[in-house]
Structure formats: structure tokens, C-alpha cells
């Protein structure tokens, strides 16, 4: 009977460790613009003050790791965090899909500001 209990405890602890989930943080966008033609393929987003703080704290916890930046659950970039992003009003640079028009980029920004699209950070703790 003791062997059965020990096996059950061991298998439960292994299952629970496999359930480790990635940390996610949703960010609110206050505004944005299309990057200058010299840095084509990017939109520049201004986060709310709370989201700027959340971004800084998130990246501080994940220095030395890869994270995912998602828009509506679609990964748009996966940077490796070398140093924490200490944002205080700086713009967040996000790549846009290849071939997106200026109108489509502006629509993306407007939807992010209105909350129709969700900007999110996710740790890659599963790696």
C-alpha cells in the first residue's frame, strides 16, 4: 500500500510541474503611429502609464529569456530580453505583417487603442 501511495504522489508532482503556465501581461495602448519610411514595417505604440510600468516589471522578471509579443493571440515578435525595458513614455516598436498598407497599419493601431485588438506579452517558461 505504501508503494502505491508513493507512486501516486510522485506522478502527481510530475503532472503538476508539467502544468507550469507562461506568465502573460495585457497592455493597453494609448496611441500610436506608423514608423518613418526608414524603419519600414513597424508601428510605434504609446502605452498607458500603467501598461508602461507593467512592461518594465515584466521584462525585469524575464531578463535572459525569450518572450512573445502577441496581438490577438498571434505572435508578432519574440525578442530575447537582455536588459529590462524601462519605459517612461518611450514608444514600443512592433513589426507589422509584410505587405500591410498604411491604412491597414493605422487600422491596427486604432483597434489596439480602442481595445478591439489585444496587445499581450507572454513568457516562454515552457522552454
N, C-alpha and C. Protein backbone atom coordinates (compact mmCIF):
# COMPACT_ATOMS: atom_id res chain seq x y z
N UNK A 1 0.82 -1.19 0.00
CA UNK A 1 0.00 0.00 0.00
C UNK A 1 0.87 1.26 0.00
N UNK A 2 1.99 1.26 0.78
CA UNK A 2 2.87 2.41 0.83
C UNK A 2 3.47 2.69 -0.55
N UNK A 3 3.80 1.64 -1.30
CA UNK A 3 4.38 1.81 -2.64
C UNK A 3 3.37 2.46 -3.58
N UNK A 4 2.11 2.12 -3.45
CA UNK A 4 1.08 2.71 -4.31
C UNK A 4 0.92 4.19 -3.99
N UNK A 5 0.91 4.55 -2.72
CA UNK A 5 0.78 5.95 -2.33
C UNK A 5 1.99 6.75 -2.81
N UNK A 6 3.20 6.21 -2.64
CA UNK A 6 4.41 6.90 -3.08
C UNK A 6 4.39 7.11 -4.59
N UNK A 7 3.94 6.14 -5.34
CA UNK A 7 3.85 6.26 -6.79
C UNK A 7 2.84 7.33 -7.17
N UNK A 8 1.73 7.38 -6.47
CA UNK A 8 0.70 8.38 -6.75
C UNK A 8 1.21 9.78 -6.47
N UNK A 9 1.89 9.97 -5.35
CA UNK A 9 2.44 11.28 -5.02
C UNK A 9 3.48 11.70 -6.05
N UNK A 10 4.36 10.80 -6.44
CA UNK A 10 5.38 11.11 -7.44
C UNK A 10 4.74 11.47 -8.78
N UNK A 11 3.75 10.71 -9.22
CA UNK A 11 3.13 11.01 -10.51
C UNK A 11 2.35 12.31 -10.46
N UNK A 12 1.76 12.65 -9.34
CA UNK A 12 1.04 13.92 -9.22
C UNK A 12 2.00 15.09 -9.26
N UNK A 13 3.15 14.98 -8.60
CA UNK A 13 4.09 16.09 -8.60
C UNK A 13 4.67 16.30 -10.00
N UNK A 14 4.89 15.23 -10.75
CA UNK A 14 5.38 15.37 -12.12
C UNK A 14 4.31 16.04 -12.98
N UNK A 15 3.07 15.67 -12.83
CA UNK A 15 1.99 16.27 -13.61
C UNK A 15 1.83 17.74 -13.28
N UNK A 16 1.94 18.09 -12.01
CA UNK A 16 1.79 19.50 -11.63
C UNK A 16 2.93 20.35 -12.17
N UNK A 17 4.13 19.81 -12.19
CA UNK A 17 5.24 20.60 -12.72
C UNK A 17 5.07 20.79 -14.23
N UNK A 18 4.44 19.86 -14.90
CA UNK A 18 4.22 19.99 -16.34
C UNK A 18 3.16 21.03 -16.65
N UNK A 19 2.38 21.37 -15.63
CA UNK A 19 1.31 22.35 -15.84
C UNK A 19 1.78 23.79 -15.70
N UNK A 20 3.06 24.02 -15.48
CA UNK A 20 3.57 25.38 -15.35
C UNK A 20 3.15 26.18 -16.58
N UNK A 21 2.50 27.28 -16.32
CA UNK A 21 2.00 28.07 -17.43
C UNK A 21 2.82 29.33 -17.60
N UNK A 22 2.79 29.84 -18.78
CA UNK A 22 3.51 31.07 -19.07
C UNK A 22 2.81 32.25 -18.40
N UNK A 23 3.61 33.20 -17.99
CA UNK A 23 3.07 34.44 -17.43
C UNK A 23 2.64 35.32 -18.60
N UNK A 24 1.47 35.91 -18.50
CA UNK A 24 1.03 36.83 -19.54
C UNK A 24 0.64 38.16 -18.92
N UNK A 25 0.87 39.21 -19.68
CA UNK A 25 0.51 40.57 -19.26
C UNK A 25 -0.17 41.24 -20.44
N UNK A 26 -1.37 41.75 -20.21
CA UNK A 26 -2.07 42.51 -21.25
C UNK A 26 -1.70 43.98 -21.10
N UNK A 27 -1.42 44.60 -22.24
CA UNK A 27 -1.02 46.00 -22.25
C UNK A 27 -2.08 46.85 -22.94
N UNK A 28 -2.28 48.05 -22.42
CA UNK A 28 -3.23 48.98 -23.02
C UNK A 28 -2.47 50.02 -23.82
N UNK A 29 -2.95 50.25 -25.03
CA UNK A 29 -2.31 51.18 -25.95
C UNK A 29 -3.05 52.51 -25.90
N UNK A 30 -2.29 53.59 -25.69
CA UNK A 30 -2.88 54.93 -25.62
C UNK A 30 -2.90 55.61 -26.99
N UNK A 31 -1.98 55.22 -27.87
CA UNK A 31 -1.89 55.84 -29.19
C UNK A 31 -0.77 55.19 -29.98
N UNK A 32 -0.58 55.68 -31.18
CA UNK A 32 0.50 55.12 -31.98
C UNK A 32 0.60 55.78 -33.33
N UNK A 33 1.60 55.35 -34.08
CA UNK A 33 1.83 55.88 -35.42
C UNK A 33 2.61 54.86 -36.23
N UNK A 34 2.64 55.07 -37.52
CA UNK A 34 3.44 54.22 -38.41
C UNK A 34 4.86 54.76 -38.37
N UNK A 35 5.84 53.87 -38.29
CA UNK A 35 7.24 54.27 -38.26
C UNK A 35 7.61 54.99 -39.55
N UNK A 36 8.59 55.85 -39.46
CA UNK A 36 9.09 56.57 -40.64
C UNK A 36 9.53 55.57 -41.69
N UNK A 37 9.47 55.96 -42.95
CA UNK A 37 9.85 55.04 -44.03
C UNK A 37 11.21 54.38 -43.85
N UNK A 38 12.14 55.04 -43.16
CA UNK A 38 13.46 54.44 -42.98
C UNK A 38 13.42 53.19 -42.10
N UNK A 39 12.40 53.07 -41.25
CA UNK A 39 12.26 51.86 -40.42
C UNK A 39 10.96 51.16 -40.80
N UNK A 40 10.77 51.02 -42.09
CA UNK A 40 9.55 50.44 -42.65
C UNK A 40 9.20 49.09 -42.04
N UNK A 41 7.93 48.83 -41.96
CA UNK A 41 7.48 47.56 -41.44
C UNK A 41 7.23 47.55 -39.95
N UNK A 42 7.13 48.73 -39.34
CA UNK A 42 6.90 48.81 -37.90
C UNK A 42 5.84 49.85 -37.58
N UNK A 43 5.12 49.56 -36.49
CA UNK A 43 4.26 50.58 -35.92
C UNK A 43 4.85 50.94 -34.57
N UNK A 44 4.65 52.17 -34.16
CA UNK A 44 5.16 52.66 -32.89
C UNK A 44 3.96 52.87 -31.98
N UNK A 45 3.97 52.22 -30.83
CA UNK A 45 2.83 52.28 -29.93
C UNK A 45 3.20 53.00 -28.64
N UNK A 46 2.29 53.85 -28.20
CA UNK A 46 2.41 54.52 -26.91
C UNK A 46 1.52 53.77 -25.93
N UNK A 47 2.09 53.30 -24.85
CA UNK A 47 1.33 52.57 -23.85
C UNK A 47 0.80 53.54 -22.79
N UNK A 48 -0.24 53.12 -22.10
CA UNK A 48 -0.70 53.90 -20.95
C UNK A 48 0.39 53.84 -19.88
N UNK A 49 0.34 54.73 -18.91
CA UNK A 49 1.35 54.73 -17.86
C UNK A 49 1.37 53.41 -17.09
N UNK A 50 0.19 52.87 -16.77
CA UNK A 50 0.13 51.59 -16.06
C UNK A 50 0.74 50.48 -16.90
N UNK A 51 0.44 50.46 -18.19
CA UNK A 51 0.99 49.41 -19.05
C UNK A 51 2.50 49.57 -19.25
N UNK A 52 2.98 50.81 -19.28
CA UNK A 52 4.43 51.03 -19.35
C UNK A 52 5.11 50.44 -18.13
N UNK A 53 4.51 50.65 -16.96
CA UNK A 53 5.04 50.08 -15.73
C UNK A 53 4.98 48.55 -15.78
N UNK A 54 3.85 48.01 -16.25
CA UNK A 54 3.70 46.55 -16.35
C UNK A 54 4.74 45.96 -17.29
N UNK A 55 5.00 46.62 -18.40
CA UNK A 55 6.02 46.16 -19.35
C UNK A 55 7.40 46.14 -18.69
N UNK A 56 7.73 47.21 -17.98
CA UNK A 56 9.03 47.28 -17.31
C UNK A 56 9.17 46.16 -16.28
N UNK A 57 8.15 45.95 -15.47
CA UNK A 57 8.21 44.91 -14.44
C UNK A 57 8.28 43.51 -15.06
N UNK A 58 7.53 43.30 -16.13
CA UNK A 58 7.52 42.00 -16.81
C UNK A 58 8.91 41.69 -17.36
N UNK A 59 9.50 42.65 -18.06
CA UNK A 59 10.82 42.39 -18.66
C UNK A 59 11.90 42.26 -17.58
N UNK A 60 11.74 42.94 -16.46
CA UNK A 60 12.68 42.79 -15.35
C UNK A 60 12.67 41.35 -14.83
N UNK A 61 11.49 40.75 -14.77
CA UNK A 61 11.37 39.37 -14.29
C UNK A 61 11.88 38.35 -15.32
N UNK A 62 12.02 38.77 -16.58
CA UNK A 62 12.36 37.81 -17.63
C UNK A 62 13.67 38.13 -18.35
N UNK A 63 14.57 38.85 -17.68
CA UNK A 63 15.89 39.13 -18.27
C UNK A 63 16.59 37.81 -18.54
N UNK A 64 17.19 37.70 -19.72
CA UNK A 64 17.90 36.48 -20.11
C UNK A 64 17.01 35.44 -20.76
N UNK A 65 15.75 35.77 -20.97
CA UNK A 65 14.79 34.82 -21.55
C UNK A 65 14.16 35.40 -22.82
N UNK A 66 13.55 34.51 -23.59
CA UNK A 66 12.75 34.92 -24.75
C UNK A 66 11.33 35.13 -24.28
N UNK A 67 10.67 36.13 -24.86
CA UNK A 67 9.26 36.35 -24.60
C UNK A 67 8.54 36.46 -25.94
N UNK A 68 7.24 36.38 -25.92
CA UNK A 68 6.44 36.58 -27.12
C UNK A 68 5.62 37.86 -26.95
N UNK A 69 5.53 38.63 -28.03
CA UNK A 69 4.64 39.77 -28.08
C UNK A 69 3.52 39.36 -29.03
N UNK A 70 2.30 39.42 -28.54
CA UNK A 70 1.15 38.94 -29.31
C UNK A 70 0.14 40.05 -29.54
N UNK A 71 -0.49 39.99 -30.68
CA UNK A 71 -1.67 40.81 -30.96
C UNK A 71 -2.77 39.82 -31.28
N UNK A 72 -3.81 39.85 -30.46
CA UNK A 72 -4.93 38.91 -30.59
C UNK A 72 -4.46 37.46 -30.68
N UNK A 73 -3.62 37.08 -29.76
CA UNK A 73 -3.09 35.72 -29.64
C UNK A 73 -2.19 35.28 -30.80
N UNK A 74 -1.79 36.19 -31.65
CA UNK A 74 -0.87 35.89 -32.75
C UNK A 74 0.49 36.50 -32.42
N UNK A 75 1.52 35.67 -32.39
CA UNK A 75 2.87 36.15 -32.08
C UNK A 75 3.35 37.05 -33.22
N UNK A 76 3.74 38.28 -32.88
CA UNK A 76 4.26 39.19 -33.89
C UNK A 76 5.77 39.36 -33.80
N UNK A 77 6.33 39.09 -32.62
CA UNK A 77 7.78 39.15 -32.45
C UNK A 77 8.11 38.40 -31.16
N UNK A 78 9.30 37.80 -31.12
CA UNK A 78 9.74 37.05 -29.94
C UNK A 78 11.16 37.49 -29.56
N UNK A 79 11.26 38.62 -28.88
CA UNK A 79 12.59 39.12 -28.54
C UNK A 79 13.22 38.36 -27.37
N UNK A 80 14.54 38.38 -27.34
CA UNK A 80 15.29 37.88 -26.19
C UNK A 80 15.57 39.10 -25.31
N UNK A 81 15.21 39.02 -24.05
CA UNK A 81 15.35 40.17 -23.15
C UNK A 81 16.76 40.17 -22.56
N UNK A 82 17.55 41.13 -22.99
CA UNK A 82 18.91 41.29 -22.49
C UNK A 82 18.90 42.18 -21.25
N UNK A 83 18.19 43.28 -21.34
CA UNK A 83 18.02 44.22 -20.24
C UNK A 83 16.54 44.52 -20.11
N UNK A 84 16.08 44.86 -18.92
CA UNK A 84 14.66 45.21 -18.78
C UNK A 84 14.35 46.49 -19.56
N UNK A 85 13.15 46.55 -20.11
CA UNK A 85 12.70 47.76 -20.80
C UNK A 85 12.20 48.71 -19.73
N UNK A 86 12.91 49.79 -19.53
CA UNK A 86 12.49 50.76 -18.53
C UNK A 86 11.80 51.91 -19.27
N UNK A 87 10.54 51.68 -19.57
CA UNK A 87 9.77 52.62 -20.37
C UNK A 87 9.21 53.73 -19.50
N UNK A 88 9.43 54.92 -19.94
CA UNK A 88 8.78 56.07 -19.31
C UNK A 88 8.37 56.98 -20.46
N UNK A 89 7.33 56.56 -21.16
CA UNK A 89 6.85 57.35 -22.28
C UNK A 89 7.50 57.00 -23.61
N UNK A 90 8.42 56.03 -23.63
CA UNK A 90 9.04 55.63 -24.89
C UNK A 90 8.04 54.81 -25.70
N UNK A 91 8.24 54.79 -27.00
CA UNK A 91 7.36 54.03 -27.88
C UNK A 91 7.82 52.59 -27.98
N UNK A 92 6.86 51.70 -28.09
CA UNK A 92 7.12 50.29 -28.30
C UNK A 92 7.06 50.02 -29.79
N UNK A 93 8.12 49.44 -30.35
CA UNK A 93 8.20 49.18 -31.79
C UNK A 93 7.72 47.76 -32.06
N UNK A 94 6.69 47.63 -32.87
CA UNK A 94 6.09 46.33 -33.19
C UNK A 94 6.14 46.12 -34.70
N UNK A 95 6.63 44.98 -35.17
CA UNK A 95 6.61 44.71 -36.61
C UNK A 95 5.18 44.49 -37.10
N UNK A 96 4.94 44.89 -38.32
CA UNK A 96 3.63 44.66 -38.93
C UNK A 96 3.80 43.61 -40.02
N UNK A 97 2.72 42.94 -40.38
CA UNK A 97 2.84 41.91 -41.43
C UNK A 97 3.39 42.49 -42.73
N UNK A 98 4.21 41.69 -43.40
CA UNK A 98 4.76 42.10 -44.68
C UNK A 98 3.62 42.41 -45.65
N UNK A 99 3.76 43.49 -46.36
CA UNK A 99 2.76 43.85 -47.35
C UNK A 99 1.57 44.63 -46.80
N UNK A 100 1.55 44.90 -45.49
CA UNK A 100 0.44 45.66 -44.92
C UNK A 100 0.51 47.10 -45.42
N UNK A 101 -0.63 47.63 -45.78
CA UNK A 101 -0.68 49.00 -46.27
C UNK A 101 -0.69 49.96 -45.08
N UNK A 102 -0.47 51.24 -45.37
CA UNK A 102 -0.53 52.26 -44.32
C UNK A 102 -1.90 52.29 -43.67
N UNK A 103 -2.95 52.13 -44.48
CA UNK A 103 -4.31 52.14 -43.94
C UNK A 103 -4.53 50.95 -43.00
N UNK A 104 -4.00 49.79 -43.38
CA UNK A 104 -4.15 48.60 -42.52
C UNK A 104 -3.37 48.78 -41.21
N UNK A 105 -2.20 49.39 -41.30
CA UNK A 105 -1.40 49.65 -40.10
C UNK A 105 -2.13 50.62 -39.18
N UNK A 106 -2.70 51.67 -39.74
CA UNK A 106 -3.45 52.64 -38.92
C UNK A 106 -4.67 51.98 -38.30
N UNK A 107 -5.32 51.10 -39.03
CA UNK A 107 -6.48 50.39 -38.51
C UNK A 107 -6.07 49.50 -37.32
N UNK A 108 -4.91 48.87 -37.43
CA UNK A 108 -4.40 48.05 -36.33
C UNK A 108 -4.17 48.92 -35.10
N UNK A 109 -3.55 50.06 -35.28
CA UNK A 109 -3.30 50.98 -34.16
C UNK A 109 -4.62 51.40 -33.53
N UNK A 110 -5.59 51.80 -34.36
CA UNK A 110 -6.89 52.24 -33.85
C UNK A 110 -7.59 51.14 -33.06
N UNK A 111 -7.50 49.90 -33.56
CA UNK A 111 -8.13 48.78 -32.86
C UNK A 111 -7.42 48.46 -31.54
N UNK A 112 -6.11 48.63 -31.51
CA UNK A 112 -5.37 48.43 -30.26
C UNK A 112 -5.76 49.49 -29.24
N UNK A 113 -5.88 50.74 -29.68
CA UNK A 113 -6.27 51.83 -28.78
C UNK A 113 -7.68 51.62 -28.25
N UNK A 114 -8.59 51.20 -29.11
CA UNK A 114 -9.99 51.02 -28.71
C UNK A 114 -10.21 49.74 -27.89
N UNK A 115 -9.24 48.84 -27.90
CA UNK A 115 -9.38 47.58 -27.18
C UNK A 115 -9.99 46.46 -28.00
N UNK A 116 -10.25 46.72 -29.29
CA UNK A 116 -10.78 45.66 -30.16
C UNK A 116 -9.72 44.61 -30.47
N UNK A 117 -8.47 45.01 -30.42
CA UNK A 117 -7.34 44.08 -30.52
C UNK A 117 -6.60 44.11 -29.19
N UNK A 118 -6.01 43.00 -28.81
CA UNK A 118 -5.33 42.90 -27.52
C UNK A 118 -3.83 42.73 -27.74
N UNK A 119 -3.07 43.59 -27.08
CA UNK A 119 -1.62 43.51 -27.08
C UNK A 119 -1.20 42.82 -25.79
N UNK A 120 -0.38 41.78 -25.92
CA UNK A 120 -0.07 40.96 -24.76
C UNK A 120 1.39 40.50 -24.81
N UNK A 121 1.98 40.36 -23.64
CA UNK A 121 3.31 39.76 -23.51
C UNK A 121 3.14 38.40 -22.86
N UNK A 122 3.94 37.45 -23.30
CA UNK A 122 3.88 36.12 -22.72
C UNK A 122 5.29 35.59 -22.52
N UNK A 123 5.54 35.07 -21.32
CA UNK A 123 6.84 34.45 -21.08
C UNK A 123 6.87 33.11 -21.80
N UNK A 124 8.06 32.63 -22.01
CA UNK A 124 8.21 31.34 -22.67
C UNK A 124 8.81 30.37 -21.66
N UNK A 125 8.16 30.27 -20.50
CA UNK A 125 8.64 29.44 -19.39
C UNK A 125 8.66 27.96 -19.74
N UNK A 126 7.91 27.58 -20.76
CA UNK A 126 7.85 26.18 -21.12
C UNK A 126 9.12 25.70 -21.80
N UNK A 127 10.05 26.59 -22.09
CA UNK A 127 11.30 26.19 -22.77
C UNK A 127 12.36 25.87 -21.76
